[in-house]
Amino acid sequence: MVTPFGEWLDQEHAIDFAMERPDFSAALTRRADSSTVAEEHIGPLLDAFFTTEMHRQTLVPHVQHALATIAELADIVVLTNLTDQFHAGRVAQLEAVGIRHRVQCNQGGKGRPVADLVAEYRPSATVFVDDLAQHHGSVARHAPEVWRLHMVAEPRIARHRAAAPDAHARIDDWAEALPWIVSRFA
């Protein structure tokens, strides 16, 4: 999502997105005057992107094969921090690239929704994959039995992000992560 969002900001809004900055709210600057985009304007920009530009998102390398392999062993739920108004668009966007799994929208920490999913599915093992450290912390608090894999699949961002302290592992490539994930189900 990050690279297509940055390209859209550049092309449509003359805003530069410094992906290497850890604080998202300080990463957007207007080219016209070099001012930082105010935090209250970031949400509307994200909403506009997800309303009209969902199609810009592409698959990260190896994800399609990895998910197909995992789906042979486990149920997959895409837990996305989008509001419900974007659910249909996210489902369509994923289906367009061959990913057909349950999509659940969420706002805020992902720990409670993950705990609810574990209670619903009652799996023998659960693996949570996310790029944001705060979500690993949330899952560690609300569903500590869940395996947590920190993955930042965007290389331009990954090299600037420390490993999430509440994750069990940090692997930034789906081909490399697949054996780790599959072994949790053994």
N, C-alpha and C. Protein backbone atom coordinates (compact mmCIF):
# COMPACT_ATOMS: atom_id res chain seq x y z
N MET A 1 0.83 -1.20 0.00
CA MET A 1 0.00 0.00 0.00
C MET A 1 0.86 1.24 0.00
N VAL A 2 2.01 1.20 0.64
CA VAL A 2 2.79 2.40 0.88
C VAL A 2 3.35 2.99 -0.41
N THR A 3 3.95 2.16 -1.26
CA THR A 3 4.52 2.69 -2.50
C THR A 3 3.44 3.27 -3.41
N PRO A 4 2.33 2.56 -3.66
CA PRO A 4 1.28 3.17 -4.50
C PRO A 4 0.70 4.44 -3.89
N PHE A 5 0.56 4.48 -2.58
CA PHE A 5 0.06 5.69 -1.91
C PHE A 5 1.04 6.83 -2.14
N GLY A 6 2.33 6.57 -1.99
CA GLY A 6 3.34 7.60 -2.23
C GLY A 6 3.35 8.09 -3.66
N GLU A 7 3.19 7.19 -4.61
CA GLU A 7 3.14 7.59 -6.03
C GLU A 7 1.92 8.47 -6.30
N TRP A 8 0.79 8.11 -5.72
CA TRP A 8 -0.43 8.89 -5.89
C TRP A 8 -0.28 10.27 -5.27
N LEU A 9 0.28 10.35 -4.07
CA LEU A 9 0.51 11.65 -3.44
C LEU A 9 1.39 12.53 -4.32
N ASP A 10 2.42 11.93 -4.89
CA ASP A 10 3.34 12.65 -5.77
C ASP A 10 2.62 13.15 -7.02
N GLN A 11 1.91 12.27 -7.69
CA GLN A 11 1.29 12.60 -8.97
C GLN A 11 0.08 13.51 -8.85
N GLU A 12 -0.73 13.29 -7.85
CA GLU A 12 -2.01 14.00 -7.76
C GLU A 12 -2.03 15.16 -6.77
N HIS A 13 -1.09 15.19 -5.84
CA HIS A 13 -1.16 16.19 -4.77
C HIS A 13 0.14 16.95 -4.55
N ALA A 14 1.18 16.64 -5.34
CA ALA A 14 2.49 17.29 -5.17
C ALA A 14 2.97 17.19 -3.72
N ILE A 15 2.82 15.99 -3.17
CA ILE A 15 3.26 15.71 -1.80
C ILE A 15 4.32 14.62 -1.87
N ASP A 16 5.43 14.86 -1.17
CA ASP A 16 6.49 13.86 -1.07
C ASP A 16 6.26 13.01 0.17
N PHE A 17 6.50 11.72 0.03
CA PHE A 17 6.32 10.78 1.13
C PHE A 17 7.69 10.19 1.47
N ALA A 18 8.24 10.58 2.59
CA ALA A 18 9.55 10.08 3.04
C ALA A 18 9.33 8.78 3.81
N MET A 19 9.34 7.67 3.08
CA MET A 19 9.02 6.37 3.68
C MET A 19 9.99 5.96 4.78
N GLU A 20 11.18 6.51 4.74
CA GLU A 20 12.18 6.11 5.73
C GLU A 20 11.90 6.69 7.12
N ARG A 21 11.02 7.67 7.21
CA ARG A 21 10.70 8.26 8.52
C ARG A 21 9.78 7.33 9.30
N PRO A 22 10.14 7.06 10.55
CA PRO A 22 9.32 6.13 11.33
C PRO A 22 7.96 6.70 11.73
N ASP A 23 7.85 8.01 11.79
CA ASP A 23 6.60 8.66 12.20
C ASP A 23 5.83 9.07 10.95
N PHE A 24 4.77 8.32 10.65
CA PHE A 24 3.97 8.55 9.45
C PHE A 24 3.47 9.99 9.38
N SER A 25 3.13 10.56 10.53
CA SER A 25 2.55 11.91 10.54
C SER A 25 3.57 12.98 10.17
N ALA A 26 4.85 12.66 10.20
CA ALA A 26 5.88 13.63 9.81
C ALA A 26 6.51 13.29 8.46
N ALA A 27 5.98 12.29 7.79
CA ALA A 27 6.60 11.80 6.56
C ALA A 27 6.08 12.45 5.29
N LEU A 28 4.99 13.23 5.37
CA LEU A 28 4.39 13.83 4.18
C LEU A 28 4.68 15.32 4.15
N THR A 29 5.30 15.78 3.06
CA THR A 29 5.59 17.22 2.91
C THR A 29 5.10 17.72 1.56
N ARG A 30 4.57 18.92 1.58
CA ARG A 30 4.10 19.57 0.35
C ARG A 30 5.30 20.16 -0.39
N ARG A 31 5.40 19.86 -1.68
CA ARG A 31 6.51 20.38 -2.46
C ARG A 31 6.44 21.89 -2.63
N ALA A 32 5.25 22.45 -2.67
CA ALA A 32 5.09 23.89 -2.91
C ALA A 32 5.79 24.74 -1.86
N ASP A 33 5.73 24.30 -0.59
CA ASP A 33 6.31 25.13 0.47
C ASP A 33 7.11 24.33 1.50
N SER A 34 7.32 23.04 1.24
CA SER A 34 8.07 22.15 2.14
C SER A 34 7.43 21.98 3.51
N SER A 35 6.16 22.33 3.63
CA SER A 35 5.48 22.17 4.92
C SER A 35 5.05 20.72 5.12
N THR A 36 5.06 20.30 6.37
CA THR A 36 4.57 18.97 6.71
C THR A 36 3.05 18.97 6.62
N VAL A 37 2.50 17.93 6.02
CA VAL A 37 1.05 17.81 5.93
C VAL A 37 0.52 17.58 7.35
N ALA A 38 -0.42 18.42 7.75
CA ALA A 38 -0.99 18.33 9.10
C ALA A 38 -1.67 16.98 9.30
N GLU A 39 -1.55 16.47 10.51
CA GLU A 39 -2.09 15.15 10.81
C GLU A 39 -3.57 15.03 10.49
N GLU A 40 -4.33 16.10 10.69
CA GLU A 40 -5.78 16.03 10.41
C GLU A 40 -6.09 15.92 8.91
N HIS A 41 -5.08 16.14 8.06
CA HIS A 41 -5.29 16.01 6.61
C HIS A 41 -4.86 14.64 6.08
N ILE A 42 -4.15 13.89 6.89
CA ILE A 42 -3.66 12.58 6.44
C ILE A 42 -4.81 11.59 6.29
N GLY A 43 -5.72 11.55 7.25
CA GLY A 43 -6.87 10.65 7.17
C GLY A 43 -7.69 10.85 5.91
N PRO A 44 -8.06 12.11 5.59
CA PRO A 44 -8.79 12.33 4.34
C PRO A 44 -8.01 11.92 3.09
N LEU A 45 -6.69 12.09 3.11
CA LEU A 45 -5.89 11.64 1.97
C LEU A 45 -5.95 10.11 1.85
N LEU A 46 -5.83 9.42 2.97
CA LEU A 46 -5.94 7.96 2.94
C LEU A 46 -7.31 7.52 2.46
N ASP A 47 -8.36 8.17 2.96
CA ASP A 47 -9.72 7.84 2.51
C ASP A 47 -9.87 8.05 1.01
N ALA A 48 -9.33 9.15 0.50
CA ALA A 48 -9.42 9.43 -0.94
C ALA A 48 -8.67 8.35 -1.73
N PHE A 49 -7.50 7.96 -1.23
CA PHE A 49 -6.73 6.92 -1.90
C PHE A 49 -7.51 5.61 -1.96
N PHE A 50 -8.07 5.20 -0.83
CA PHE A 50 -8.79 3.93 -0.80
C PHE A 50 -10.12 4.00 -1.54
N THR A 51 -10.67 5.18 -1.71
CA THR A 51 -11.92 5.33 -2.46
C THR A 51 -11.69 5.20 -3.95
N THR A 52 -10.63 5.81 -4.46
CA THR A 52 -10.45 5.87 -5.92
C THR A 52 -9.21 5.14 -6.44
N GLU A 53 -8.29 4.76 -5.58
CA GLU A 53 -7.00 4.25 -6.05
C GLU A 53 -6.65 2.85 -5.55
N MET A 54 -7.61 2.13 -5.02
CA MET A 54 -7.34 0.79 -4.50
C MET A 54 -6.66 -0.09 -5.57
N HIS A 55 -7.01 0.14 -6.82
CA HIS A 55 -6.47 -0.66 -7.93
C HIS A 55 -4.96 -0.48 -8.11
N ARG A 56 -4.39 0.57 -7.57
CA ARG A 56 -2.95 0.81 -7.70
C ARG A 56 -2.11 -0.20 -6.91
N GLN A 57 -2.72 -0.81 -5.93
CA GLN A 57 -1.96 -1.72 -5.08
C GLN A 57 -1.62 -3.00 -5.83
N THR A 58 -0.41 -3.45 -5.63
CA THR A 58 0.07 -4.66 -6.30
C THR A 58 0.57 -5.65 -5.25
N LEU A 59 0.78 -6.86 -5.68
CA LEU A 59 1.28 -7.90 -4.78
C LEU A 59 2.77 -7.72 -4.52
N VAL A 60 3.17 -8.01 -3.30
CA VAL A 60 4.60 -8.05 -3.00
C VAL A 60 5.12 -9.40 -3.49
N PRO A 61 6.41 -9.50 -3.78
CA PRO A 61 6.95 -10.76 -4.31
C PRO A 61 6.64 -11.96 -3.41
N HIS A 62 6.29 -13.05 -4.04
CA HIS A 62 6.11 -14.37 -3.43
C HIS A 62 4.85 -14.53 -2.57
N VAL A 63 4.07 -13.49 -2.40
CA VAL A 63 2.92 -13.59 -1.50
C VAL A 63 1.85 -14.54 -2.03
N GLN A 64 1.62 -14.54 -3.32
CA GLN A 64 0.55 -15.38 -3.87
C GLN A 64 0.84 -16.86 -3.63
N HIS A 65 2.06 -17.28 -3.93
CA HIS A 65 2.44 -18.68 -3.69
C HIS A 65 2.39 -19.01 -2.20
N ALA A 66 2.91 -18.11 -1.38
CA ALA A 66 2.92 -18.36 0.07
C ALA A 66 1.51 -18.52 0.61
N LEU A 67 0.61 -17.63 0.24
CA LEU A 67 -0.76 -17.73 0.74
C LEU A 67 -1.46 -18.98 0.23
N ALA A 68 -1.21 -19.35 -1.02
CA ALA A 68 -1.81 -20.58 -1.56
C ALA A 68 -1.33 -21.80 -0.78
N THR A 69 -0.05 -21.82 -0.44
CA THR A 69 0.50 -22.93 0.34
C THR A 69 -0.08 -22.95 1.75
N ILE A 70 -0.13 -21.80 2.38
CA ILE A 70 -0.67 -21.71 3.74
C ILE A 70 -2.15 -22.11 3.75
N ALA A 71 -2.89 -21.73 2.72
CA ALA A 71 -4.33 -22.02 2.66
C ALA A 71 -4.61 -23.52 2.60
N GLU A 72 -3.63 -24.32 2.19
CA GLU A 72 -3.79 -25.77 2.20
C GLU A 72 -3.76 -26.32 3.63
N LEU A 73 -3.21 -25.54 4.55
CA LEU A 73 -3.03 -25.98 5.94
C LEU A 73 -3.90 -25.25 6.95
N ALA A 74 -4.33 -24.05 6.58
CA ALA A 74 -4.98 -23.19 7.58
C ALA A 74 -5.98 -22.25 6.92
N ASP A 75 -6.88 -21.74 7.74
CA ASP A 75 -7.76 -20.66 7.29
C ASP A 75 -6.96 -19.37 7.31
N ILE A 76 -7.21 -18.51 6.33
CA ILE A 76 -6.53 -17.22 6.25
C ILE A 76 -7.57 -16.13 6.38
N VAL A 77 -7.29 -15.15 7.23
CA VAL A 77 -8.13 -13.97 7.36
C VAL A 77 -7.23 -12.76 7.14
N VAL A 78 -7.64 -11.88 6.26
CA VAL A 78 -6.94 -10.62 6.04
C VAL A 78 -7.58 -9.61 6.98
N LEU A 79 -6.84 -9.22 8.01
CA LEU A 79 -7.32 -8.25 9.00
C LEU A 79 -6.69 -6.91 8.63
N THR A 80 -7.51 -6.03 8.08
CA THR A 80 -7.00 -4.78 7.52
C THR A 80 -7.50 -3.58 8.30
N ASN A 81 -6.64 -2.62 8.53
CA ASN A 81 -7.04 -1.41 9.24
C ASN A 81 -7.66 -0.41 8.28
N LEU A 82 -8.75 -0.82 7.69
CA LEU A 82 -9.58 0.05 6.87
C LEU A 82 -10.96 0.09 7.52
N THR A 83 -11.67 1.17 7.30
CA THR A 83 -13.04 1.23 7.82
C THR A 83 -13.94 0.37 6.95
N ASP A 84 -15.10 0.03 7.49
CA ASP A 84 -16.03 -0.86 6.79
C ASP A 84 -16.45 -0.34 5.42
N GLN A 85 -16.42 0.96 5.23
CA GLN A 85 -16.82 1.51 3.93
C GLN A 85 -15.90 1.04 2.80
N PHE A 86 -14.69 0.58 3.13
CA PHE A 86 -13.74 0.13 2.12
C PHE A 86 -13.67 -1.39 1.99
N HIS A 87 -14.51 -2.10 2.73
CA HIS A 87 -14.47 -3.56 2.73
C HIS A 87 -14.65 -4.14 1.32
N ALA A 88 -15.70 -3.74 0.64
CA ALA A 88 -15.97 -4.30 -0.70
C ALA A 88 -14.84 -3.99 -1.66
N GLY A 89 -14.30 -2.79 -1.59
CA GLY A 89 -13.19 -2.42 -2.45
C GLY A 89 -11.95 -3.24 -2.18
N ARG A 90 -11.66 -3.51 -0.90
CA ARG A 90 -10.50 -4.32 -0.54
C ARG A 90 -10.69 -5.76 -1.01
N VAL A 91 -11.89 -6.30 -0.82
CA VAL A 91 -12.17 -7.66 -1.29
C VAL A 91 -11.97 -7.74 -2.80
N ALA A 92 -12.53 -6.79 -3.53
CA ALA A 92 -12.41 -6.78 -5.00
C ALA A 92 -10.96 -6.64 -5.42
N GLN A 93 -10.22 -5.77 -4.75
CA GLN A 93 -8.81 -5.56 -5.08
C GLN A 93 -8.01 -6.84 -4.87
N LEU A 94 -8.24 -7.53 -3.78
CA LEU A 94 -7.52 -8.78 -3.52
C LEU A 94 -7.95 -9.88 -4.49
N GLU A 95 -9.25 -9.98 -4.76
CA GLU A 95 -9.73 -11.00 -5.70
C GLU A 95 -9.17 -10.77 -7.10
N ALA A 96 -8.98 -9.51 -7.47
CA ALA A 96 -8.45 -9.19 -8.80
C ALA A 96 -7.03 -9.73 -8.99
N VAL A 97 -6.31 -9.95 -7.89
CA VAL A 97 -4.96 -10.49 -7.99
C VAL A 97 -4.90 -11.94 -7.48
N GLY A 98 -6.07 -12.57 -7.39
CA GLY A 98 -6.13 -13.99 -7.07
C GLY A 98 -6.11 -14.35 -5.60
N ILE A 99 -6.30 -13.38 -4.73
CA ILE A 99 -6.33 -13.65 -3.29
C ILE A 99 -7.78 -13.63 -2.84
N ARG A 100 -8.27 -14.82 -2.46
CA ARG A 100 -9.68 -14.96 -2.08
C ARG A 100 -9.77 -15.56 -0.68
N HIS A 101 -9.69 -14.70 0.29
CA HIS A 101 -9.79 -15.10 1.68
C HIS A 101 -10.71 -14.12 2.39
N ARG A 102 -11.16 -14.51 3.56
CA ARG A 102 -12.00 -13.61 4.36
C ARG A 102 -11.23 -12.31 4.64
N VAL A 103 -11.92 -11.20 4.49
CA VAL A 103 -11.36 -9.88 4.79
C VAL A 103 -12.17 -9.28 5.93
N GLN A 104 -11.49 -8.86 6.96
CA GLN A 104 -12.15 -8.23 8.10
C GLN A 104 -11.53 -6.86 8.33
N CYS A 105 -12.38 -5.84 8.37
CA CYS A 105 -11.91 -4.48 8.63
C CYS A 105 -11.78 -4.25 10.13
N ASN A 106 -10.91 -3.33 10.48
CA ASN A 106 -10.60 -3.04 11.87
C ASN A 106 -10.08 -1.61 11.97
N GLN A 107 -10.26 -1.02 13.11
CA GLN A 107 -9.64 0.27 13.40
C GLN A 107 -8.91 0.14 14.72
N GLY A 108 -7.66 0.57 14.75
CA GLY A 108 -6.88 0.51 15.98
C GLY A 108 -6.12 -0.79 16.11
N GLY A 109 -5.78 -1.12 17.35
CA GLY A 109 -4.99 -2.31 17.62
C GLY A 109 -5.66 -3.57 17.11
N LYS A 110 -4.85 -4.54 16.71
CA LYS A 110 -5.39 -5.77 16.13
C LYS A 110 -5.50 -6.92 17.13
N GLY A 111 -5.09 -6.70 18.37
CA GLY A 111 -5.11 -7.78 19.35
C GLY A 111 -6.48 -8.33 19.66
N ARG A 112 -7.44 -7.45 19.95
CA ARG A 112 -8.80 -7.93 20.26
C ARG A 112 -9.43 -8.66 19.07
N PRO A 113 -9.35 -8.10 17.85
CA PRO A 113 -9.92 -8.84 16.72
C PRO A 113 -9.24 -10.19 16.49
N VAL A 114 -7.93 -10.26 16.70
CA VAL A 114 -7.24 -11.54 16.56
C VAL A 114 -7.74 -12.51 17.62
N ALA A 115 -7.88 -12.06 18.86
CA ALA A 115 -8.40 -12.93 19.92
C ALA A 115 -9.81 -13.41 19.58
N ASP A 116 -10.63 -12.53 19.02
CA ASP A 116 -11.98 -12.92 18.61
C ASP A 116 -11.94 -13.97 17.49
N LEU A 117 -11.03 -13.81 16.54
CA LEU A 117 -10.90 -14.78 15.45
C LEU A 117 -10.44 -16.13 15.98
N VAL A 118 -9.50 -16.12 16.93
CA VAL A 118 -9.05 -17.37 17.53
C VAL A 118 -10.21 -18.06 18.23
N ALA A 119 -11.02 -17.30 18.95
CA ALA A 119 -12.19 -17.89 19.62
C ALA A 119 -13.19 -18.44 18.62
N GLU A 120 -13.34 -17.76 17.49
CA GLU A 120 -14.28 -18.21 16.46
C GLU A 120 -13.80 -19.48 15.75
N TYR A 121 -12.54 -19.49 15.31
CA TYR A 121 -12.02 -20.61 14.52
C TYR A 121 -11.50 -21.77 15.38
N ARG A 122 -11.06 -21.48 16.58
CA ARG A 122 -10.50 -22.47 17.50
C ARG A 122 -9.40 -23.31 16.84
N PRO A 123 -8.39 -22.67 16.27
CA PRO A 123 -7.33 -23.41 15.59
C PRO A 123 -6.34 -24.03 16.58
N SER A 124 -5.59 -25.01 16.11
CA SER A 124 -4.54 -25.59 16.94
C SER A 124 -3.34 -24.64 17.03
N ALA A 125 -3.17 -23.80 16.02
CA ALA A 125 -2.10 -22.79 16.01
C ALA A 125 -2.57 -21.61 15.16
N THR A 126 -2.09 -20.44 15.52
CA THR A 126 -2.42 -19.22 14.78
C THR A 126 -1.13 -18.44 14.54
N VAL A 127 -1.00 -17.92 13.33
CA VAL A 127 0.13 -17.06 12.99
C VAL A 127 -0.41 -15.71 12.55
N PHE A 128 0.12 -14.66 13.13
CA PHE A 128 -0.25 -13.28 12.82
C PHE A 128 0.94 -12.65 12.11
N VAL A 129 0.69 -12.08 10.93
CA VAL A 129 1.74 -11.42 10.16
C VAL A 129 1.34 -9.96 9.98
N ASP A 130 2.23 -9.04 10.34
CA ASP A 130 1.92 -7.62 10.20
C ASP A 130 3.22 -6.84 10.12
N ASP A 131 3.11 -5.65 9.52
CA ASP A 131 4.29 -4.80 9.35
C ASP A 131 4.49 -3.79 10.47
N LEU A 132 3.49 -3.60 11.32
CA LEU A 132 3.56 -2.56 12.34
C LEU A 132 3.77 -3.14 13.74
N ALA A 133 4.79 -2.62 14.41
CA ALA A 133 5.16 -3.12 15.74
C ALA A 133 4.01 -3.00 16.73
N GLN A 134 3.24 -1.92 16.66
CA GLN A 134 2.17 -1.73 17.64
C GLN A 134 1.11 -2.84 17.56
N HIS A 135 0.91 -3.40 16.38
CA HIS A 135 -0.07 -4.48 16.26
C HIS A 135 0.46 -5.77 16.89
N HIS A 136 1.76 -5.99 16.80
CA HIS A 136 2.34 -7.16 17.47
C HIS A 136 2.21 -7.02 18.98
N GLY A 137 2.40 -5.81 19.49
CA GLY A 137 2.21 -5.58 20.92
C GLY A 137 0.78 -5.82 21.34
N SER A 138 -0.16 -5.37 20.52
CA SER A 138 -1.58 -5.55 20.81
C SER A 138 -1.94 -7.03 20.81
N VAL A 139 -1.45 -7.77 19.83
CA VAL A 139 -1.74 -9.21 19.76
C VAL A 139 -1.08 -9.93 20.94
N ALA A 140 0.13 -9.53 21.30
CA ALA A 140 0.81 -10.16 22.45
C ALA A 140 0.00 -9.98 23.73
N ARG A 141 -0.64 -8.83 23.88
CA ARG A 141 -1.45 -8.57 25.08
C ARG A 141 -2.77 -9.34 25.07
N HIS A 142 -3.44 -9.38 23.93
CA HIS A 142 -4.80 -9.93 23.87
C HIS A 142 -4.87 -11.40 23.44
N ALA A 143 -3.85 -11.87 22.76
CA ALA A 143 -3.83 -13.27 22.29
C ALA A 143 -2.39 -13.78 22.34
N PRO A 144 -1.83 -13.91 23.54
CA PRO A 144 -0.40 -14.24 23.68
C PRO A 144 0.00 -15.59 23.09
N GLU A 145 -0.96 -16.48 22.90
CA GLU A 145 -0.65 -17.80 22.34
C GLU A 145 -0.42 -17.76 20.83
N VAL A 146 -0.70 -16.65 20.20
CA VAL A 146 -0.57 -16.51 18.75
C VAL A 146 0.89 -16.26 18.37
N TRP A 147 1.36 -16.99 17.37
CA TRP A 147 2.70 -16.74 16.81
C TRP A 147 2.66 -15.42 16.05
N ARG A 148 3.68 -14.58 16.25
CA ARG A 148 3.70 -13.25 15.65
C ARG A 148 4.94 -13.07 14.78
N LEU A 149 4.70 -12.83 13.49
CA LEU A 149 5.77 -12.61 12.52
C LEU A 149 5.73 -11.16 12.05
N HIS A 150 6.81 -10.44 12.30
CA HIS A 150 6.92 -9.06 11.84
C HIS A 150 7.49 -9.09 10.42
N MET A 151 6.72 -8.59 9.46
CA MET A 151 7.15 -8.57 8.07
C MET A 151 6.89 -7.19 7.48
N VAL A 152 7.96 -6.57 6.99
CA VAL A 152 7.86 -5.30 6.28
C VAL A 152 8.31 -5.61 4.85
N ALA A 153 7.36 -5.93 3.99
CA ALA A 153 7.66 -6.44 2.65
C ALA A 153 8.09 -5.35 1.67
N GLU A 154 8.04 -4.10 2.07
CA GLU A 154 8.50 -2.98 1.24
C GLU A 154 9.96 -2.69 1.62
N PRO A 155 10.93 -3.08 0.75
CA PRO A 155 12.35 -2.91 1.11
C PRO A 155 12.75 -1.48 1.47
N ARG A 156 12.14 -0.49 0.82
CA ARG A 156 12.51 0.90 1.12
C ARG A 156 12.11 1.29 2.53
N ILE A 157 11.16 0.60 3.10
CA ILE A 157 10.75 0.87 4.48
C ILE A 157 11.46 -0.09 5.44
N ALA A 158 11.58 -1.34 5.04
CA ALA A 158 12.12 -2.38 5.93
C ALA A 158 13.47 -2.00 6.51
N ARG A 159 14.34 -1.45 5.71
CA ARG A 159 15.69 -1.15 6.20
C ARG A 159 15.71 -0.04 7.25
N HIS A 160 14.60 0.67 7.39
CA HIS A 160 14.52 1.76 8.37
C HIS A 160 13.69 1.39 9.60
N ARG A 161 13.21 0.17 9.66
CA ARG A 161 12.35 -0.24 10.77
C ARG A 161 13.03 -1.31 11.61
N ALA A 162 13.06 -1.08 12.90
CA ALA A 162 13.58 -2.09 13.82
C ALA A 162 12.59 -3.23 13.93
N ALA A 163 13.09 -4.37 14.33
CA ALA A 163 12.21 -5.52 14.56
C ALA A 163 11.25 -5.22 15.70
N ALA A 164 10.02 -5.65 15.54
CA ALA A 164 9.01 -5.45 16.58
C ALA A 164 9.39 -6.28 17.81
N PRO A 165 9.52 -5.65 18.97
CA PRO A 165 9.95 -6.40 20.15
C PRO A 165 8.97 -7.49 20.59
N ASP A 166 7.70 -7.37 20.23
CA ASP A 166 6.71 -8.37 20.63
C ASP A 166 6.48 -9.45 19.58
N ALA A 167 7.23 -9.42 18.49
CA ALA A 167 7.12 -10.46 17.47
C ALA A 167 8.08 -11.60 17.81
N HIS A 168 7.73 -12.80 17.39
CA HIS A 168 8.61 -13.94 17.59
C HIS A 168 9.74 -13.96 16.57
N ALA A 169 9.51 -13.37 15.40
CA ALA A 169 10.51 -13.35 14.34
C ALA A 169 10.29 -12.15 13.44
N ARG A 170 11.33 -11.79 12.71
CA ARG A 170 11.25 -10.73 11.69
C ARG A 170 11.79 -11.33 10.40
N ILE A 171 10.91 -11.45 9.42
CA ILE A 171 11.28 -11.94 8.09
C ILE A 171 10.53 -11.06 7.10
N ASP A 172 11.23 -10.44 6.16
CA ASP A 172 10.61 -9.45 5.28
C ASP A 172 10.30 -9.94 3.88
N ASP A 173 10.41 -11.22 3.64
CA ASP A 173 10.15 -11.78 2.32
C ASP A 173 9.27 -13.02 2.49
N TRP A 174 8.20 -13.09 1.69
CA TRP A 174 7.25 -14.19 1.83
C TRP A 174 7.88 -15.55 1.52
N ALA A 175 8.80 -15.62 0.56
CA ALA A 175 9.44 -16.91 0.26
C ALA A 175 10.25 -17.41 1.45
N GLU A 176 10.91 -16.49 2.14
CA GLU A 176 11.68 -16.87 3.33
C GLU A 176 10.78 -17.12 4.53
N ALA A 177 9.67 -16.41 4.60
CA ALA A 177 8.76 -16.55 5.74
C ALA A 177 7.93 -17.83 5.67
N LEU A 178 7.67 -18.31 4.47
CA LEU A 178 6.79 -19.47 4.30
C LEU A 178 7.21 -20.67 5.16
N PRO A 179 8.48 -21.11 5.12
CA PRO A 179 8.84 -22.26 5.96
C PRO A 179 8.63 -21.99 7.46
N TRP A 180 8.92 -20.76 7.89
CA TRP A 180 8.72 -20.41 9.30
C TRP A 180 7.24 -20.52 9.66
N ILE A 181 6.38 -19.98 8.81
CA ILE A 181 4.94 -20.01 9.07
C ILE A 181 4.42 -21.45 9.07
N VAL A 182 4.76 -22.20 8.04
CA VAL A 182 4.28 -23.58 7.92
C VAL A 182 4.73 -24.42 9.13
N SER A 183 5.94 -24.18 9.61
CA SER A 183 6.44 -24.97 10.74
C SER A 183 5.65 -24.70 12.03
N ARG A 184 4.97 -23.57 12.13
CA ARG A 184 4.15 -23.29 13.32
C ARG A 184 2.92 -24.20 13.35
N PHE A 185 2.51 -24.70 12.19
CA PHE A 185 1.32 -25.55 12.12
C PHE A 185 1.66 -27.04 12.29
N ALA A 186 2.93 -27.36 12.37
CA ALA A 186 3.35 -28.77 12.47
C ALA A 186 3.08 -29.34 13.85
